[in-house]
Amino acid sequence: MSEQQCVEEWSCCFDPTSEISCFKPKPVKSINVGITAGAAVGAFIACVGIAIGGFIYYRNFGLHLPSTPVTESFSTPFSSTDTA
């Protein structure tokens, strides 16, 4: 079999130095690289949207926690009402 016949007709690879000169290469396995670029951008936009939405909500409505009474825990030793 000629190189031209191997490559053009059979769509194979040709190597005259190997034991079998006309061969099909092994298929390349696809590599899973994880998250796609579009999904990464979507996740980033969602996180930024949640952060901005939380800030706007906090700014408009505040943080409504049950209020606790404020008591003084100590007095100032030198207040303006003391006379020396």
PDB file of N, CA and C in Angstrom:
ATOM      1  N   MET A   1       0.853  -1.175   0.000  1.00  0.00           N
ATOM      2  CA  MET A   1       0.000   0.000   0.000  1.00  0.00           C
ATOM      3  C   MET A   1       0.897   1.235   0.000  1.00  0.00           C
ATOM      4  N   SER A   2       0.544   2.197  -0.807  1.00  0.00           N
ATOM      5  CA  SER A   2       1.346   3.421  -0.891  1.00  0.00           C
ATOM      6  C   SER A   2       0.930   4.411   0.191  1.00  0.00           C
ATOM      7  N   GLU A   3       1.793   5.372   0.416  1.00  0.00           N
ATOM      8  CA  GLU A   3       1.500   6.415   1.405  1.00  0.00           C
ATOM      9  C   GLU A   3       0.269   7.210   0.985  1.00  0.00           C
ATOM     10  N   GLN A   4       0.180   7.539  -0.281  1.00  0.00           N
ATOM     11  CA  GLN A   4      -0.954   8.310  -0.788  1.00  0.00           C
ATOM     12  C   GLN A   4      -2.263   7.544  -0.595  1.00  0.00           C
ATOM     13  N   GLN A   5      -2.268   6.276  -0.909  1.00  0.00           N
ATOM     14  CA  GLN A   5      -3.469   5.459  -0.739  1.00  0.00           C
ATOM     15  C   GLN A   5      -3.838   5.348   0.745  1.00  0.00           C
ATOM     16  N   CYS A   6      -2.869   5.190   1.593  1.00  0.00           N
ATOM     17  CA  CYS A   6      -3.119   5.073   3.042  1.00  0.00           C
ATOM     18  C   CYS A   6      -3.742   6.346   3.608  1.00  0.00           C
ATOM     19  N   VAL A   7      -3.144   7.476   3.250  1.00  0.00           N
ATOM     20  CA  VAL A   7      -3.582   8.759   3.823  1.00  0.00           C
ATOM     21  C   VAL A   7      -4.875   9.249   3.186  1.00  0.00           C
ATOM     22  N   GLU A   8      -4.955   9.256   1.855  1.00  0.00           N
ATOM     23  CA  GLU A   8      -6.101   9.848   1.170  1.00  0.00           C
ATOM     24  C   GLU A   8      -7.312   8.926   1.115  1.00  0.00           C
ATOM     25  N   GLU A   9      -7.121   7.668   0.791  1.00  0.00           N
ATOM     26  CA  GLU A   9      -8.258   6.766   0.628  1.00  0.00           C
ATOM     27  C   GLU A   9      -8.747   6.184   1.947  1.00  0.00           C
ATOM     28  N   TRP A  10      -7.810   5.838   2.811  1.00  0.00           N
ATOM     29  CA  TRP A  10      -8.192   5.181   4.059  1.00  0.00           C
ATOM     30  C   TRP A  10      -8.253   6.146   5.251  1.00  0.00           C
ATOM     31  N   SER A  11      -7.789   7.364   5.063  1.00  0.00           N
ATOM     32  CA  SER A  11      -7.724   8.370   6.135  1.00  0.00           C
ATOM     33  C   SER A  11      -6.964   7.832   7.346  1.00  0.00           C
ATOM     34  N   CYS A  12      -5.840   7.241   7.055  1.00  0.00           N
ATOM     35  CA  CYS A  12      -4.998   6.685   8.111  1.00  0.00           C
ATOM     36  C   CYS A  12      -3.680   7.450   8.164  1.00  0.00           C
ATOM     37  N   CYS A  13      -2.836   7.032   9.089  1.00  0.00           N
ATOM     38  CA  CYS A  13      -1.495   7.601   9.192  1.00  0.00           C
ATOM     39  C   CYS A  13      -0.510   6.634   8.549  1.00  0.00           C
ATOM     40  N   PHE A  14       0.563   7.184   8.043  1.00  0.00           N
ATOM     41  CA  PHE A  14       1.551   6.358   7.357  1.00  0.00           C
ATOM     42  C   PHE A  14       2.911   6.584   7.993  1.00  0.00           C
ATOM     43  N   ASP A  15       3.562   5.479   8.377  1.00  0.00           N
ATOM     44  CA  ASP A  15       4.907   5.539   8.931  1.00  0.00           C
ATOM     45  C   ASP A  15       5.697   4.371   8.337  1.00  0.00           C
ATOM     46  N   PRO A  16       6.566   4.656   7.388  1.00  0.00           N
ATOM     47  CA  PRO A  16       7.291   3.563   6.714  1.00  0.00           C
ATOM     48  C   PRO A  16       8.281   2.849   7.628  1.00  0.00           C
ATOM     49  N   THR A  17       8.632   3.428   8.773  1.00  0.00           N
ATOM     50  CA  THR A  17       9.609   2.802   9.664  1.00  0.00           C
ATOM     51  C   THR A  17       8.976   1.844  10.660  1.00  0.00           C
ATOM     52  N   SER A  18       7.662   1.877  10.809  1.00  0.00           N
ATOM     53  CA  SER A  18       7.021   0.989  11.779  1.00  0.00           C
ATOM     54  C   SER A  18       6.690  -0.360  11.145  1.00  0.00           C
ATOM     55  N   GLU A  19       6.372  -1.336  11.993  1.00  0.00           N
ATOM     56  CA  GLU A  19       6.047  -2.684  11.523  1.00  0.00           C
ATOM     57  C   GLU A  19       4.812  -2.668  10.635  1.00  0.00           C
ATOM     58  N   ILE A  20       3.810  -1.922  11.046  1.00  0.00           N
ATOM     59  CA  ILE A  20       2.592  -1.735  10.249  1.00  0.00           C
ATOM     60  C   ILE A  20       2.622  -0.290   9.777  1.00  0.00           C
ATOM     61  N   SER A  21       2.853  -0.097   8.487  1.00  0.00           N
ATOM     62  CA  SER A  21       3.075   1.257   7.986  1.00  0.00           C
ATOM     63  C   SER A  21       1.800   2.085   7.877  1.00  0.00           C
ATOM     64  N   CYS A  22       0.649   1.471   7.649  1.00  0.00           N
ATOM     65  CA  CYS A  22      -0.612   2.213   7.532  1.00  0.00           C
ATOM     66  C   CYS A  22      -1.475   1.883   8.757  1.00  0.00           C
ATOM     67  N   PHE A  23      -1.776   2.891   9.568  1.00  0.00           N
ATOM     68  CA  PHE A  23      -2.524   2.639  10.809  1.00  0.00           C
ATOM     69  C   PHE A  23      -3.395   3.830  11.171  1.00  0.00           C
ATOM     70  N   LYS A  24      -4.392   3.568  11.973  1.00  0.00           N
ATOM     71  CA  LYS A  24      -5.240   4.637  12.527  1.00  0.00           C
ATOM     72  C   LYS A  24      -4.729   4.928  13.926  1.00  0.00           C
ATOM     73  N   PRO A  25      -4.527   6.190  14.259  1.00  0.00           N
ATOM     74  CA  PRO A  25      -4.066   6.514  15.614  1.00  0.00           C
ATOM     75  C   PRO A  25      -5.181   6.282  16.627  1.00  0.00           C
ATOM     76  N   LYS A  26      -4.774   6.071  17.855  1.00  0.00           N
ATOM     77  CA  LYS A  26      -5.761   5.910  18.922  1.00  0.00           C
ATOM     78  C   LYS A  26      -6.530   7.215  19.085  1.00  0.00           C
ATOM     79  N   PRO A  27      -7.825   7.132  19.349  1.00  0.00           N
ATOM     80  CA  PRO A  27      -8.584   8.363  19.553  1.00  0.00           C
ATOM     81  C   PRO A  27      -8.135   9.043  20.849  1.00  0.00           C
ATOM     82  N   VAL A  28      -8.092  10.341  20.791  1.00  0.00           N
ATOM     83  CA  VAL A  28      -7.682  11.131  21.944  1.00  0.00           C
ATOM     84  C   VAL A  28      -8.867  11.253  22.890  1.00  0.00           C
ATOM     85  N   LYS A  29      -8.636  10.896  24.153  1.00  0.00           N
ATOM     86  CA  LYS A  29      -9.701  11.032  25.146  1.00  0.00           C
ATOM     87  C   LYS A  29      -9.918  12.504  25.445  1.00  0.00           C
ATOM     88  N   SER A  30     -11.160  12.869  25.592  1.00  0.00           N
ATOM     89  CA  SER A  30     -11.427  14.251  25.965  1.00  0.00           C
ATOM     90  C   SER A  30     -11.141  14.416  27.453  1.00  0.00           C
ATOM     91  N   ILE A  31     -10.581  15.528  27.787  1.00  0.00           N
ATOM     92  CA  ILE A  31     -10.209  15.812  29.168  1.00  0.00           C
ATOM     93  C   ILE A  31     -11.273  16.712  29.779  1.00  0.00           C
ATOM     94  N   ASN A  32     -11.787  16.290  30.914  1.00  0.00           N
ATOM     95  CA  ASN A  32     -12.774  17.101  31.624  1.00  0.00           C
ATOM     96  C   ASN A  32     -12.028  18.152  32.434  1.00  0.00           C
ATOM     97  N   VAL A  33     -12.182  19.413  32.046  1.00  0.00           N
ATOM     98  CA  VAL A  33     -11.468  20.485  32.716  1.00  0.00           C
ATOM     99  C   VAL A  33     -12.307  21.143  33.801  1.00  0.00           C
ATOM    100  N   GLY A  34     -13.486  20.640  34.052  1.00  0.00           N
ATOM    101  CA  GLY A  34     -14.322  21.194  35.109  1.00  0.00           C
ATOM    102  C   GLY A  34     -15.368  22.143  34.562  1.00  0.00           C
ATOM    103  N   ILE A  35     -15.536  23.245  35.221  1.00  0.00           N
ATOM    104  CA  ILE A  35     -16.584  24.205  34.889  1.00  0.00           C
ATOM    105  C   ILE A  35     -16.228  24.942  33.595  1.00  0.00           C
ATOM    106  N   THR A  36     -17.222  25.196  32.782  1.00  0.00           N
ATOM    107  CA  THR A  36     -16.985  25.915  31.537  1.00  0.00           C
ATOM    108  C   THR A  36     -16.859  27.408  31.817  1.00  0.00           C
ATOM    109  N   ALA A  37     -16.348  28.136  30.863  1.00  0.00           N
ATOM    110  CA  ALA A  37     -16.163  29.580  31.034  1.00  0.00           C
ATOM    111  C   ALA A  37     -17.508  30.282  31.228  1.00  0.00           C
ATOM    112  N   GLY A  38     -18.519  29.874  30.477  1.00  0.00           N
ATOM    113  CA  GLY A  38     -19.842  30.495  30.612  1.00  0.00           C
ATOM    114  C   GLY A  38     -20.449  30.259  31.986  1.00  0.00           C
ATOM    115  N   ALA A  39     -20.272  29.042  32.519  1.00  0.00           N
ATOM    116  CA  ALA A  39     -20.795  28.752  33.850  1.00  0.00           C
ATOM    117  C   ALA A  39     -20.045  29.546  34.916  1.00  0.00           C
ATOM    118  N   ALA A  40     -18.741  29.730  34.743  1.00  0.00           N
ATOM    119  CA  ALA A  40     -17.957  30.507  35.699  1.00  0.00           C
ATOM    120  C   ALA A  40     -18.406  31.971  35.708  1.00  0.00           C
ATOM    121  N   VAL A  41     -18.630  32.524  34.537  1.00  0.00           N
ATOM    122  CA  VAL A  41     -19.102  33.911  34.447  1.00  0.00           C
ATOM    123  C   VAL A  41     -20.495  34.033  35.061  1.00  0.00           C
ATOM    124  N   GLY A  42     -21.364  33.066  34.788  1.00  0.00           N
ATOM    125  CA  GLY A  42     -22.705  33.091  35.370  1.00  0.00           C
ATOM    126  C   GLY A  42     -22.672  33.010  36.885  1.00  0.00           C
ATOM    127  N   ALA A  43     -21.816  32.151  37.434  1.00  0.00           N
ATOM    128  CA  ALA A  43     -21.696  32.040  38.891  1.00  0.00           C
ATOM    129  C   ALA A  43     -21.160  33.332  39.490  1.00  0.00           C
ATOM    130  N   PHE A  44     -20.193  33.946  38.829  1.00  0.00           N
ATOM    131  CA  PHE A  44     -19.641  35.211  39.319  1.00  0.00           C
ATOM    132  C   PHE A  44     -20.702  36.306  39.324  1.00  0.00           C
ATOM    133  N   ILE A  45     -21.463  36.412  38.241  1.00  0.00           N
ATOM    134  CA  ILE A  45     -22.516  37.434  38.160  1.00  0.00           C
ATOM    135  C   ILE A  45     -23.579  37.183  39.221  1.00  0.00           C
ATOM    136  N   ALA A  46     -23.926  35.916  39.464  1.00  0.00           N
ATOM    137  CA  ALA A  46     -24.913  35.600  40.497  1.00  0.00           C
ATOM    138  C   ALA A  46     -24.404  36.019  41.876  1.00  0.00           C
ATOM    139  N   CYS A  47     -23.149  35.741  42.175  1.00  0.00           N
ATOM    140  CA  CYS A  47     -22.584  36.120  43.480  1.00  0.00           C
ATOM    141  C   CYS A  47     -22.552  37.633  43.650  1.00  0.00           C
ATOM    142  N   VAL A  48     -22.134  38.341  42.611  1.00  0.00           N
ATOM    143  CA  VAL A  48     -22.102  39.808  42.688  1.00  0.00           C
ATOM    144  C   VAL A  48     -23.519  40.352  42.837  1.00  0.00           C
ATOM    145  N   GLY A  49     -24.484  39.767  42.115  1.00  0.00           N
ATOM    146  CA  GLY A  49     -25.878  40.211  42.231  1.00  0.00           C
ATOM    147  C   GLY A  49     -26.439  39.994  43.626  1.00  0.00           C
ATOM    148  N   ILE A  50     -26.117  38.864  44.239  1.00  0.00           N
ATOM    149  CA  ILE A  50     -26.582  38.588  45.601  1.00  0.00           C
ATOM    150  C   ILE A  50     -25.951  39.576  46.576  1.00  0.00           C
ATOM    151  N   ALA A  51     -24.654  39.852  46.402  1.00  0.00           N
ATOM    152  CA  ALA A  51     -23.981  40.803  47.296  1.00  0.00           C
ATOM    153  C   ALA A  51     -24.569  42.203  47.159  1.00  0.00           C
ATOM    154  N   ILE A  52     -24.792  42.654  45.940  1.00  0.00           N
ATOM    155  CA  ILE A  52     -25.362  43.992  45.729  1.00  0.00           C
ATOM    156  C   ILE A  52     -26.795  44.037  46.240  1.00  0.00           C
ATOM    157  N   GLY A  53     -27.568  42.990  45.971  1.00  0.00           N
ATOM    158  CA  GLY A  53     -28.941  42.942  46.472  1.00  0.00           C
ATOM    159  C   GLY A  53     -28.994  42.961  47.987  1.00  0.00           C
ATOM    160  N   GLY A  54     -28.099  42.236  48.635  1.00  0.00           N
ATOM    161  CA  GLY A  54     -28.037  42.248  50.096  1.00  0.00           C
ATOM    162  C   GLY A  54     -27.675  43.614  50.633  1.00  0.00           C
ATOM    163  N   PHE A  55     -26.742  44.292  49.987  1.00  0.00           N
ATOM    164  CA  PHE A  55     -26.362  45.638  50.421  1.00  0.00           C
ATOM    165  C   PHE A  55     -27.526  46.611  50.275  1.00  0.00           C
ATOM    166  N   ILE A  56     -28.211  46.551  49.143  1.00  0.00           N
ATOM    167  CA  ILE A  56     -29.355  47.451  48.924  1.00  0.00           C
ATOM    168  C   ILE A  56     -30.461  47.161  49.933  1.00  0.00           C
ATOM    169  N   TYR A  57     -30.744  45.899  50.201  1.00  0.00           N
ATOM    170  CA  TYR A  57     -31.762  45.547  51.187  1.00  0.00           C
ATOM    171  C   TYR A  57     -31.373  46.068  52.565  1.00  0.00           C
ATOM    172  N   TYR A  58     -30.119  45.861  52.964  1.00  0.00           N
ATOM    173  CA  TYR A  58     -29.656  46.328  54.274  1.00  0.00           C
ATOM    174  C   TYR A  58     -29.727  47.847  54.362  1.00  0.00           C
ATOM    175  N   ARG A  59     -29.353  48.517  53.281  1.00  0.00           N
ATOM    176  CA  ARG A  59     -29.359  49.983  53.289  1.00  0.00           C
ATOM    177  C   ARG A  59     -30.778  50.546  53.380  1.00  0.00           C
ATOM    178  N   ASN A  60     -31.741  49.883  52.718  1.00  0.00           N
ATOM    179  CA  ASN A  60     -33.120  50.383  52.726  1.00  0.00           C
ATOM    180  C   ASN A  60     -33.892  49.963  53.969  1.00  0.00           C
ATOM    181  N   PHE A  61     -33.674  48.748  54.445  1.00  0.00           N
ATOM    182  CA  PHE A  61     -34.495  48.237  55.535  1.00  0.00           C
ATOM    183  C   PHE A  61     -33.720  48.026  56.829  1.00  0.00           C
ATOM    184  N   GLY A  62     -32.429  48.067  56.789  1.00  0.00           N
ATOM    185  CA  GLY A  62     -31.608  47.893  57.973  1.00  0.00           C
ATOM    186  C   GLY A  62     -31.645  46.469  58.483  1.00  0.00           C
ATOM    187  N   LEU A  63     -30.967  46.274  59.583  1.00  0.00           N
ATOM    188  CA  LEU A  63     -30.911  44.967  60.204  1.00  0.00           C
ATOM    189  C   LEU A  63     -31.827  45.010  61.409  1.00  0.00           C
ATOM    190  N   HIS A  64     -32.962  44.325  61.350  1.00  0.00           N
ATOM    191  CA  HIS A  64     -33.955  44.384  62.409  1.00  0.00           C
ATOM    192  C   HIS A  64     -33.737  43.243  63.388  1.00  0.00           C
ATOM    193  N   LEU A  65     -32.971  43.522  64.424  1.00  0.00           N
ATOM    194  CA  LEU A  65     -32.753  42.559  65.490  1.00  0.00           C
ATOM    195  C   LEU A  65     -33.535  43.001  66.709  1.00  0.00           C
ATOM    196  N   PRO A  66     -33.894  42.071  67.573  1.00  0.00           N
ATOM    197  CA  PRO A  66     -34.581  42.490  68.800  1.00  0.00           C
ATOM    198  C   PRO A  66     -33.676  43.424  69.596  1.00  0.00           C
ATOM    199  N   SER A  67     -34.241  44.529  70.043  1.00  0.00           N
ATOM    200  CA  SER A  67     -33.422  45.507  70.758  1.00  0.00           C
ATOM    201  C   SER A  67     -33.230  45.064  72.203  1.00  0.00           C
ATOM    202  N   THR A  68     -32.049  45.340  72.708  1.00  0.00           N
ATOM    203  CA  THR A  68     -31.741  45.039  74.109  1.00  0.00           C
ATOM    204  C   THR A  68     -31.537  46.350  74.830  1.00  0.00           C
ATOM    205  N   PRO A  69     -31.959  46.415  76.076  1.00  0.00           N
ATOM    206  CA  PRO A  69     -31.786  47.669  76.806  1.00  0.00           C
ATOM    207  C   PRO A  69     -30.295  47.952  77.035  1.00  0.00           C
ATOM    208  N   VAL A  70     -29.940  49.222  76.913  1.00  0.00           N
ATOM    209  CA  VAL A  70     -28.552  49.633  77.104  1.00  0.00           C
ATOM    210  C   VAL A  70     -28.418  50.179  78.506  1.00  0.00           C
ATOM    211  N   THR A  71     -27.504  49.625  79.264  1.00  0.00           N
ATOM    212  CA  THR A  71     -27.238  50.105  80.625  1.00  0.00           C
ATOM    213  C   THR A  71     -25.785  50.493  80.723  1.00  0.00           C
ATOM    214  N   GLU A  72     -25.517  51.473  81.578  1.00  0.00           N
ATOM    215  CA  GLU A  72     -24.130  51.874  81.769  1.00  0.00           C
ATOM    216  C   GLU A  72     -23.474  50.869  82.682  1.00  0.00           C
ATOM    217  N   SER A  73     -22.289  50.477  82.357  1.00  0.00           N
ATOM    218  CA  SER A  73     -21.597  49.499  83.177  1.00  0.00           C
ATOM    219  C   SER A  73     -20.638  50.156  84.163  1.00  0.00           C
ATOM    220  N   PHE A  74     -20.298  51.402  83.937  1.00  0.00           N
ATOM    221  CA  PHE A  74     -19.421  52.106  84.868  1.00  0.00           C
ATOM    222  C   PHE A  74     -19.681  53.595  84.729  1.00  0.00           C
ATOM    223  N   SER A  75     -19.229  54.346  85.696  1.00  0.00           N
ATOM    224  CA  SER A  75     -19.372  55.796  85.618  1.00  0.00           C
ATOM    225  C   SER A  75     -17.988  56.408  85.475  1.00  0.00           C
ATOM    226  N   THR A  76     -17.951  57.581  84.880  1.00  0.00           N
ATOM    227  CA  THR A  76     -16.691  58.274  84.682  1.00  0.00           C
ATOM    228  C   THR A  76     -16.233  58.842  86.015  1.00  0.00           C
ATOM    229  N   PRO A  77     -15.042  58.571  86.446  1.00  0.00           N
ATOM    230  CA  PRO A  77     -14.601  59.048  87.759  1.00  0.00           C
ATOM    231  C   PRO A  77     -14.470  60.568  87.827  1.00  0.00           C
ATOM    232  N   PHE A  78     -14.130  61.212  86.756  1.00  0.00           N
ATOM    233  CA  PHE A  78     -13.987  62.665  86.776  1.00  0.00           C
ATOM    234  C   PHE A  78     -15.016  63.276  85.837  1.00  0.00           C
ATOM    235  N   SER A  79     -16.230  63.379  86.283  1.00  0.00           N
ATOM    236  CA  SER A  79     -17.252  63.981  85.419  1.00  0.00           C
ATOM    237  C   SER A  79     -17.287  65.463  85.655  1.00  0.00           C
ATOM    238  N   SER A  80     -17.992  66.184  84.834  1.00  0.00           N
ATOM    239  CA  SER A  80     -18.045  67.642  84.936  1.00  0.00           C
ATOM    240  C   SER A  80     -18.842  68.109  86.145  1.00  0.00           C
ATOM    241  N   THR A  81     -19.621  67.213  86.766  1.00  0.00           N
ATOM    242  CA  THR A  81     -20.412  67.635  87.928  1.00  0.00           C
ATOM    243  C   THR A  81     -19.612  67.575  89.205  1.00  0.00           C
ATOM    244  N   ASP A  82     -18.456  66.900  89.202  1.00  0.00           N
ATOM    245  CA  ASP A  82     -17.611  66.855  90.406  1.00  0.00           C
ATOM    246  C   ASP A  82     -16.847  68.162  90.540  1.00  0.00           C
ATOM    247  N   THR A  83     -16.738  68.663  91.748  1.00  0.00           N
ATOM    248  CA  THR A  83     -15.951  69.879  91.989  1.00  0.00           C
ATOM    249  C   THR A  83     -14.799  69.510  92.902  1.00  0.00           C
ATOM    250  N   ALA A  84     -13.680  70.012  92.636  1.00  0.00           N
ATOM    251  CA  ALA A  84     -12.523  69.674  93.458  1.00  0.00           C
ATOM    252  C   ALA A  84     -12.141  70.807  94.341  1.00  0.00           C
TER     253      ALA A  84
END
